[in-house]
Amino acid sequence: LSCAASGRTFSSYAMAWFRQAPGKEREFV
């Protein structure tokens, strides 16, 4: 998977992936 960022300085932010399965709450990856 890829996540492309724009609008601000990308390198200034921590990044994360979360996921949400059908019928379940979003969870940290």
PDB file of all heavy atoms in Angstrom:
ATOM      1  N   LEU A   1       0.831  -1.185   0.000  1.00  0.00           N
ATOM      2  CA  LEU A   1       0.000   0.000   0.000  1.00  0.00           C
ATOM      3  C   LEU A   1       0.874   1.247   0.000  1.00  0.00           C
ATOM      4  O   LEU A   1       1.962   1.249   0.569  1.00  0.00           O
ATOM      5  CB  LEU A   1      -0.911   0.028   1.225  1.00  0.00           C
ATOM      6  CG  LEU A   1      -1.792  -1.200   1.468  1.00  0.00           C
ATOM      7  CD1 LEU A   1      -2.682  -0.958   2.681  1.00  0.00           C
ATOM      8  CD2 LEU A   1      -2.611  -1.534   0.235  1.00  0.00           C
ATOM      9  N   SER A   2       0.379   2.300  -0.622  1.00  0.00           N
ATOM     10  CA  SER A   2       1.074   3.575  -0.643  1.00  0.00           C
ATOM     11  C   SER A   2       0.150   4.663  -0.130  1.00  0.00           C
ATOM     12  O   SER A   2      -1.067   4.587  -0.299  1.00  0.00           O
ATOM     13  CB  SER A   2       1.529   3.927  -2.062  1.00  0.00           C
ATOM     14  OG  SER A   2       2.429   2.966  -2.568  1.00  0.00           O
ATOM     15  N   CYS A   3       0.739   5.666   0.483  1.00  0.00           N
ATOM     16  CA  CYS A   3      -0.009   6.826   0.943  1.00  0.00           C
ATOM     17  C   CYS A   3       0.765   8.068   0.531  1.00  0.00           C
ATOM     18  O   CYS A   3       1.860   8.315   1.051  1.00  0.00           O
ATOM     19  CB  CYS A   3      -0.203   6.784   2.460  1.00  0.00           C
ATOM     20  SG  CYS A   3      -1.038   8.232   3.135  1.00  0.00           S
ATOM     21  N   ALA A   4       0.208   8.819  -0.387  1.00  0.00           N
ATOM     22  CA  ALA A   4       0.845  10.029  -0.886  1.00  0.00           C
ATOM     23  C   ALA A   4       0.289  11.243  -0.161  1.00  0.00           C
ATOM     24  O   ALA A   4      -0.927  11.396  -0.034  1.00  0.00           O
ATOM     25  CB  ALA A   4       0.625  10.160  -2.388  1.00  0.00           C
ATOM     26  N   ALA A   5       1.182  12.104   0.310  1.00  0.00           N
ATOM     27  CA  ALA A   5       0.792  13.276   1.078  1.00  0.00           C
ATOM     28  C   ALA A   5       1.069  14.558   0.312  1.00  0.00           C
ATOM     29  O   ALA A   5       2.023  14.647  -0.466  1.00  0.00           O
ATOM     30  CB  ALA A   5       1.534  13.312   2.414  1.00  0.00           C
ATOM     31  N   SER A   6       0.237  15.547   0.555  1.00  0.00           N
ATOM     32  CA  SER A   6       0.432  16.866  -0.028  1.00  0.00           C
ATOM     33  C   SER A   6      -0.149  17.917   0.908  1.00  0.00           C
ATOM     34  O   SER A   6      -0.906  17.603   1.819  1.00  0.00           O
ATOM     35  CB  SER A   6      -0.216  16.971  -1.407  1.00  0.00           C
ATOM     36  OG  SER A   6      -1.620  16.800  -1.323  1.00  0.00           O
ATOM     37  N   GLY A   7       0.207  19.174   0.687  1.00  0.00           N
ATOM     38  CA  GLY A   7      -0.366  20.281   1.436  1.00  0.00           C
ATOM     39  C   GLY A   7       0.511  20.840   2.544  1.00  0.00           C
ATOM     40  O   GLY A   7       0.437  22.021   2.850  1.00  0.00           O
ATOM     41  N   ARG A   8       1.303  19.996   3.172  1.00  0.00           N
ATOM     42  CA  ARG A   8       2.222  20.398   4.226  1.00  0.00           C
ATOM     43  C   ARG A   8       3.516  19.609   4.075  1.00  0.00           C
ATOM     44  O   ARG A   8       3.594  18.690   3.261  1.00  0.00           O
ATOM     45  CB  ARG A   8       1.620  20.170   5.608  1.00  0.00           C
ATOM     46  CG  ARG A   8       0.421  21.054   5.946  1.00  0.00           C
ATOM     47  CD  ARG A   8       0.832  22.505   6.135  1.00  0.00           C
ATOM     48  NE  ARG A   8       1.739  22.695   7.262  1.00  0.00           N
ATOM     49  CZ  ARG A   8       1.344  22.908   8.512  1.00  0.00           C
ATOM     50  NH1 ARG A   8       0.048  22.993   8.801  1.00  0.00           N
ATOM     51  NH2 ARG A   8       2.245  23.061   9.471  1.00  0.00           N
ATOM     52  N   THR A   9       4.485  19.954   4.895  1.00  0.00           N
ATOM     53  CA  THR A   9       5.758  19.245   4.863  1.00  0.00           C
ATOM     54  C   THR A   9       5.579  17.841   5.413  1.00  0.00           C
ATOM     55  O   THR A   9       5.395  17.646   6.609  1.00  0.00           O
ATOM     56  CB  THR A   9       6.818  20.002   5.665  1.00  0.00           C
ATOM     57  OG1 THR A   9       6.956  21.331   5.147  1.00  0.00           O
ATOM     58  CG2 THR A   9       8.165  19.299   5.571  1.00  0.00           C
ATOM     59  N   PHE A  10       5.638  16.864   4.528  1.00  0.00           N
ATOM     60  CA  PHE A  10       5.400  15.479   4.898  1.00  0.00           C
ATOM     61  C   PHE A  10       6.344  14.998   5.981  1.00  0.00           C
ATOM     62  O   PHE A  10       5.940  14.284   6.896  1.00  0.00           O
ATOM     63  CB  PHE A  10       5.519  14.602   3.645  1.00  0.00           C
ATOM     64  CG  PHE A  10       5.457  13.135   3.901  1.00  0.00           C
ATOM     65  CD1 PHE A  10       4.244  12.514   4.183  1.00  0.00           C
ATOM     66  CD2 PHE A  10       6.607  12.358   3.854  1.00  0.00           C
ATOM     67  CE1 PHE A  10       4.179  11.150   4.405  1.00  0.00           C
ATOM     68  CE2 PHE A  10       6.546  10.993   4.076  1.00  0.00           C
ATOM     69  CZ  PHE A  10       5.335  10.391   4.353  1.00  0.00           C
ATOM     70  N   SER A  11       7.601  15.373   5.877  1.00  0.00           N
ATOM     71  CA  SER A  11       8.607  14.883   6.808  1.00  0.00           C
ATOM     72  C   SER A  11       8.415  15.390   8.228  1.00  0.00           C
ATOM     73  O   SER A  11       9.066  14.895   9.146  1.00  0.00           O
ATOM     74  CB  SER A  11      10.012  15.234   6.308  1.00  0.00           C
ATOM     75  OG  SER A  11      10.172  16.636   6.194  1.00  0.00           O
ATOM     76  N   SER A  12       7.536  16.347   8.441  1.00  0.00           N
ATOM     77  CA  SER A  12       7.286  16.889   9.772  1.00  0.00           C
ATOM     78  C   SER A  12       6.302  16.058  10.584  1.00  0.00           C
ATOM     79  O   SER A  12       6.093  16.338  11.762  1.00  0.00           O
ATOM     80  CB  SER A  12       6.754  18.318   9.670  1.00  0.00           C
ATOM     81  OG  SER A  12       7.711  19.181   9.082  1.00  0.00           O
ATOM     82  N   TYR A  13       5.690  15.052   9.973  1.00  0.00           N
ATOM     83  CA  TYR A  13       4.634  14.287  10.618  1.00  0.00           C
ATOM     84  C   TYR A  13       5.008  12.834  10.845  1.00  0.00           C
ATOM     85  O   TYR A  13       5.646  12.203  10.006  1.00  0.00           O
ATOM     86  CB  TYR A  13       3.362  14.329   9.772  1.00  0.00           C
ATOM     87  CG  TYR A  13       2.726  15.691   9.698  1.00  0.00           C
ATOM     88  CD1 TYR A  13       3.090  16.587   8.698  1.00  0.00           C
ATOM     89  CD2 TYR A  13       1.766  16.073  10.624  1.00  0.00           C
ATOM     90  CE1 TYR A  13       2.518  17.841   8.631  1.00  0.00           C
ATOM     91  CE2 TYR A  13       1.185  17.323  10.562  1.00  0.00           C
ATOM     92  CZ  TYR A  13       1.562  18.203   9.563  1.00  0.00           C
ATOM     93  OH  TYR A  13       0.981  19.451   9.500  1.00  0.00           O
ATOM     94  N   ALA A  14       4.570  12.340  11.997  1.00  0.00           N
ATOM     95  CA  ALA A  14       4.539  10.899  12.182  1.00  0.00           C
ATOM     96  C   ALA A  14       3.411  10.338  11.328  1.00  0.00           C
ATOM     97  O   ALA A  14       2.399  11.002  11.117  1.00  0.00           O
ATOM     98  CB  ALA A  14       4.304  10.558  13.652  1.00  0.00           C
ATOM     99  N   MET A  15       3.588   9.135  10.834  1.00  0.00           N
ATOM    100  CA  MET A  15       2.586   8.517   9.982  1.00  0.00           C
ATOM    101  C   MET A  15       2.173   7.177  10.566  1.00  0.00           C
ATOM    102  O   MET A  15       2.947   6.521  11.265  1.00  0.00           O
ATOM    103  CB  MET A  15       3.126   8.312   8.564  1.00  0.00           C
ATOM    104  CG  MET A  15       3.542   9.596   7.858  1.00  0.00           C
ATOM    105  SD  MET A  15       2.135  10.701   7.535  1.00  0.00           S
ATOM    106  CE  MET A  15       1.183   9.703   6.387  1.00  0.00           C
ATOM    107  N   ALA A  16       0.963   6.786  10.258  1.00  0.00           N
ATOM    108  CA  ALA A  16       0.454   5.520  10.768  1.00  0.00           C
ATOM    109  C   ALA A  16      -0.515   4.900   9.780  1.00  0.00           C
ATOM    110  O   ALA A  16      -1.066   5.578   8.910  1.00  0.00           O
ATOM    111  CB  ALA A  16      -0.235   5.718  12.116  1.00  0.00           C
ATOM    112  N   TRP A  17      -0.704   3.605   9.931  1.00  0.00           N
ATOM    113  CA  TRP A  17      -1.739   2.878   9.220  1.00  0.00           C
ATOM    114  C   TRP A  17      -2.718   2.300  10.233  1.00  0.00           C
ATOM    115  O   TRP A  17      -2.300   1.716  11.239  1.00  0.00           O
ATOM    116  CB  TRP A  17      -1.162   1.739   8.372  1.00  0.00           C
ATOM    117  CG  TRP A  17      -0.397   2.191   7.169  1.00  0.00           C
ATOM    118  CD1 TRP A  17       0.942   2.400   7.071  1.00  0.00           C
ATOM    119  CD2 TRP A  17      -0.942   2.480   5.879  1.00  0.00           C
ATOM    120  NE1 TRP A  17       1.279   2.797   5.806  1.00  0.00           N
ATOM    121  CE2 TRP A  17       0.135   2.855   5.043  1.00  0.00           C
ATOM    122  CE3 TRP A  17      -2.229   2.450   5.333  1.00  0.00           C
ATOM    123  CZ2 TRP A  17      -0.036   3.205   3.701  1.00  0.00           C
ATOM    124  CZ3 TRP A  17      -2.399   2.803   4.006  1.00  0.00           C
ATOM    125  CH2 TRP A  17      -1.317   3.167   3.213  1.00  0.00           C
ATOM    126  N   PHE A  18      -3.988   2.481   9.961  1.00  0.00           N
ATOM    127  CA  PHE A  18      -5.064   1.857  10.707  1.00  0.00           C
ATOM    128  C   PHE A  18      -5.901   1.055   9.729  1.00  0.00           C
ATOM    129  O   PHE A  18      -5.804   1.246   8.513  1.00  0.00           O
ATOM    130  CB  PHE A  18      -5.941   2.904  11.405  1.00  0.00           C
ATOM    131  CG  PHE A  18      -5.274   3.603  12.557  1.00  0.00           C
ATOM    132  CD1 PHE A  18      -4.355   4.615  12.347  1.00  0.00           C
ATOM    133  CD2 PHE A  18      -5.579   3.252  13.863  1.00  0.00           C
ATOM    134  CE1 PHE A  18      -3.742   5.263  13.399  1.00  0.00           C
ATOM    135  CE2 PHE A  18      -4.978   3.894  14.940  1.00  0.00           C
ATOM    136  CZ  PHE A  18      -4.054   4.901  14.693  1.00  0.00           C
ATOM    137  N   ARG A  19      -6.726   0.172  10.250  1.00  0.00           N
ATOM    138  CA  ARG A  19      -7.610  -0.588   9.375  1.00  0.00           C
ATOM    139  C   ARG A  19      -8.948  -0.817  10.061  1.00  0.00           C
ATOM    140  O   ARG A  19      -9.049  -0.825  11.282  1.00  0.00           O
ATOM    141  CB  ARG A  19      -6.982  -1.925   8.973  1.00  0.00           C
ATOM    142  CG  ARG A  19      -6.798  -2.915  10.114  1.00  0.00           C
ATOM    143  CD  ARG A  19      -6.019  -4.129   9.643  1.00  0.00           C
ATOM    144  NE  ARG A  19      -5.874  -5.131  10.688  1.00  0.00           N
ATOM    145  CZ  ARG A  19      -5.156  -6.237  10.562  1.00  0.00           C
ATOM    146  NH1 ARG A  19      -4.510  -6.497   9.427  1.00  0.00           N
ATOM    147  NH2 ARG A  19      -5.079  -7.101  11.570  1.00  0.00           N
ATOM    148  N   GLN A  20      -9.956  -1.017   9.241  1.00  0.00           N
ATOM    149  CA  GLN A  20     -11.294  -1.266   9.754  1.00  0.00           C
ATOM    150  C   GLN A  20     -11.927  -2.394   8.955  1.00  0.00           C
ATOM    151  O   GLN A  20     -12.177  -2.254   7.759  1.00  0.00           O
ATOM    152  CB  GLN A  20     -12.157  -0.011   9.678  1.00  0.00           C
ATOM    153  CG  GLN A  20     -13.510  -0.161  10.344  1.00  0.00           C
ATOM    154  CD  GLN A  20     -14.219   1.166  10.519  1.00  0.00           C
ATOM    155  OE1 GLN A  20     -13.967   2.117   9.783  1.00  0.00           O
ATOM    156  NE2 GLN A  20     -15.104   1.241  11.495  1.00  0.00           N
ATOM    157  N   ALA A  21     -12.174  -3.494   9.634  1.00  0.00           N
ATOM    158  CA  ALA A  21     -12.820  -4.643   9.018  1.00  0.00           C
ATOM    159  C   ALA A  21     -14.329  -4.462   9.064  1.00  0.00           C
ATOM    160  O   ALA A  21     -14.852  -3.711   9.887  1.00  0.00           O
ATOM    161  CB  ALA A  21     -12.415  -5.922   9.746  1.00  0.00           C
ATOM    162  N   PRO A  22     -15.055  -5.159   8.187  1.00  0.00           N
ATOM    163  CA  PRO A  22     -16.514  -5.038   8.179  1.00  0.00           C
ATOM    164  C   PRO A  22     -17.115  -5.347   9.543  1.00  0.00           C
ATOM    165  O   PRO A  22     -16.806  -6.380  10.148  1.00  0.00           O
ATOM    166  CB  PRO A  22     -16.945  -6.068   7.137  1.00  0.00           C
ATOM    167  CG  PRO A  22     -15.771  -6.182   6.225  1.00  0.00           C
ATOM    168  CD  PRO A  22     -14.573  -6.050   7.121  1.00  0.00           C
ATOM    169  N   GLY A  23     -17.959  -4.451  10.037  1.00  0.00           N
ATOM    170  CA  GLY A  23     -18.632  -4.657  11.306  1.00  0.00           C
ATOM    171  C   GLY A  23     -17.771  -4.480  12.539  1.00  0.00           C
ATOM    172  O   GLY A  23     -18.224  -4.770  13.648  1.00  0.00           O
ATOM    173  N   LYS A  24     -16.543  -4.005  12.370  1.00  0.00           N
ATOM    174  CA  LYS A  24     -15.647  -3.845  13.503  1.00  0.00           C
ATOM    175  C   LYS A  24     -15.126  -2.420  13.602  1.00  0.00           C
ATOM    176  O   LYS A  24     -15.223  -1.633  12.655  1.00  0.00           O
ATOM    177  CB  LYS A  24     -14.473  -4.819  13.404  1.00  0.00           C
ATOM    178  CG  LYS A  24     -14.886  -6.281  13.462  1.00  0.00           C
ATOM    179  CD  LYS A  24     -13.724  -7.182  13.776  1.00  0.00           C
ATOM    180  CE  LYS A  24     -14.196  -8.611  13.993  1.00  0.00           C
ATOM    181  NZ  LYS A  24     -13.100  -9.499  14.437  1.00  0.00           N
ATOM    182  N   GLU A  25     -14.575  -2.098  14.756  1.00  0.00           N
ATOM    183  CA  GLU A  25     -14.006  -0.780  14.983  1.00  0.00           C
ATOM    184  C   GLU A  25     -12.657  -0.661  14.299  1.00  0.00           C
ATOM    185  O   GLU A  25     -11.971  -1.658  14.058  1.00  0.00           O
ATOM    186  CB  GLU A  25     -13.853  -0.514  16.474  1.00  0.00           C
ATOM    187  CG  GLU A  25     -15.157  -0.497  17.253  1.00  0.00           C
ATOM    188  CD  GLU A  25     -16.070   0.624  16.817  1.00  0.00           C
ATOM    189  OE1 GLU A  25     -15.579   1.755  16.613  1.00  0.00           O
ATOM    190  OE2 GLU A  25     -17.272   0.378  16.667  1.00  0.00           O
ATOM    191  N   ARG A  26     -12.280   0.562  14.007  1.00  0.00           N
ATOM    192  CA  ARG A  26     -10.980   0.810  13.419  1.00  0.00           C
ATOM    193  C   ARG A  26      -9.889   0.444  14.425  1.00  0.00           C
ATOM    194  O   ARG A  26     -10.000   0.745  15.610  1.00  0.00           O
ATOM    195  CB  ARG A  26     -10.863   2.278  13.005  1.00  0.00           C
ATOM    196  CG  ARG A  26      -9.596   2.623  12.250  1.00  0.00           C
ATOM    197  CD  ARG A  26      -9.817   3.796  11.312  1.00  0.00           C
ATOM    198  NE  ARG A  26     -10.496   4.898  11.957  1.00  0.00           N
ATOM    199  CZ  ARG A  26     -11.243   5.796  11.325  1.00  0.00           C
ATOM    200  NH1 ARG A  26     -11.408   5.714  10.019  1.00  0.00           N
ATOM    201  NH2 ARG A  26     -11.821   6.772  11.996  1.00  0.00           N
ATOM    202  N   GLU A  27      -8.837  -0.197  13.947  1.00  0.00           N
ATOM    203  CA  GLU A  27      -7.765  -0.621  14.825  1.00  0.00           C
ATOM    204  C   GLU A  27      -6.409  -0.181  14.293  1.00  0.00           C
ATOM    205  O   GLU A  27      -6.198  -0.041  13.088  1.00  0.00           O
ATOM    206  CB  GLU A  27      -7.779  -2.140  15.015  1.00  0.00           C
ATOM    207  CG  GLU A  27      -7.457  -2.933  13.765  1.00  0.00           C
ATOM    208  CD  GLU A  27      -7.344  -4.424  14.028  1.00  0.00           C
ATOM    209  OE1 GLU A  27      -7.314  -4.844  15.204  1.00  0.00           O
ATOM    210  OE2 GLU A  27      -7.280  -5.187  13.041  1.00  0.00           O
ATOM    211  N   PHE A  28      -5.503  -0.007  15.217  1.00  0.00           N
ATOM    212  CA  PHE A  28      -4.140   0.385  14.905  1.00  0.00           C
ATOM    213  C   PHE A  28      -3.399  -0.751  14.231  1.00  0.00           C
ATOM    214  O   PHE A  28      -3.543  -1.917  14.604  1.00  0.00           O
ATOM    215  CB  PHE A  28      -3.427   0.785  16.204  1.00  0.00           C
ATOM    216  CG  PHE A  28      -1.945   0.932  16.074  1.00  0.00           C
ATOM    217  CD1 PHE A  28      -1.388   2.069  15.508  1.00  0.00           C
ATOM    218  CD2 PHE A  28      -1.095  -0.064  16.523  1.00  0.00           C
ATOM    219  CE1 PHE A  28      -0.016   2.207  15.400  1.00  0.00           C
ATOM    220  CE2 PHE A  28       0.273   0.064  16.418  1.00  0.00           C
ATOM    221  CZ  PHE A  28       0.810   1.203  15.852  1.00  0.00           C
ATOM    222  N   VAL A  29      -2.576  -0.401  13.249  1.00  0.00           N
ATOM    223  CA  VAL A  29      -1.749  -1.381  12.562  1.00  0.00           C
ATOM    224  C   VAL A  29      -0.262  -1.116  12.821  1.00  0.00           C
ATOM    225  O   VAL A  29       0.455  -1.984  13.321  1.00  0.00           O
ATOM    226  CB  VAL A  29      -2.013  -1.392  11.048  1.00  0.00           C
ATOM    227  CG1 VAL A  29      -1.084  -2.385  10.348  1.00  0.00           C
ATOM    228  CG2 VAL A  29      -3.467  -1.737  10.764  1.00  0.00           C
TER     229      VAL A  29
END
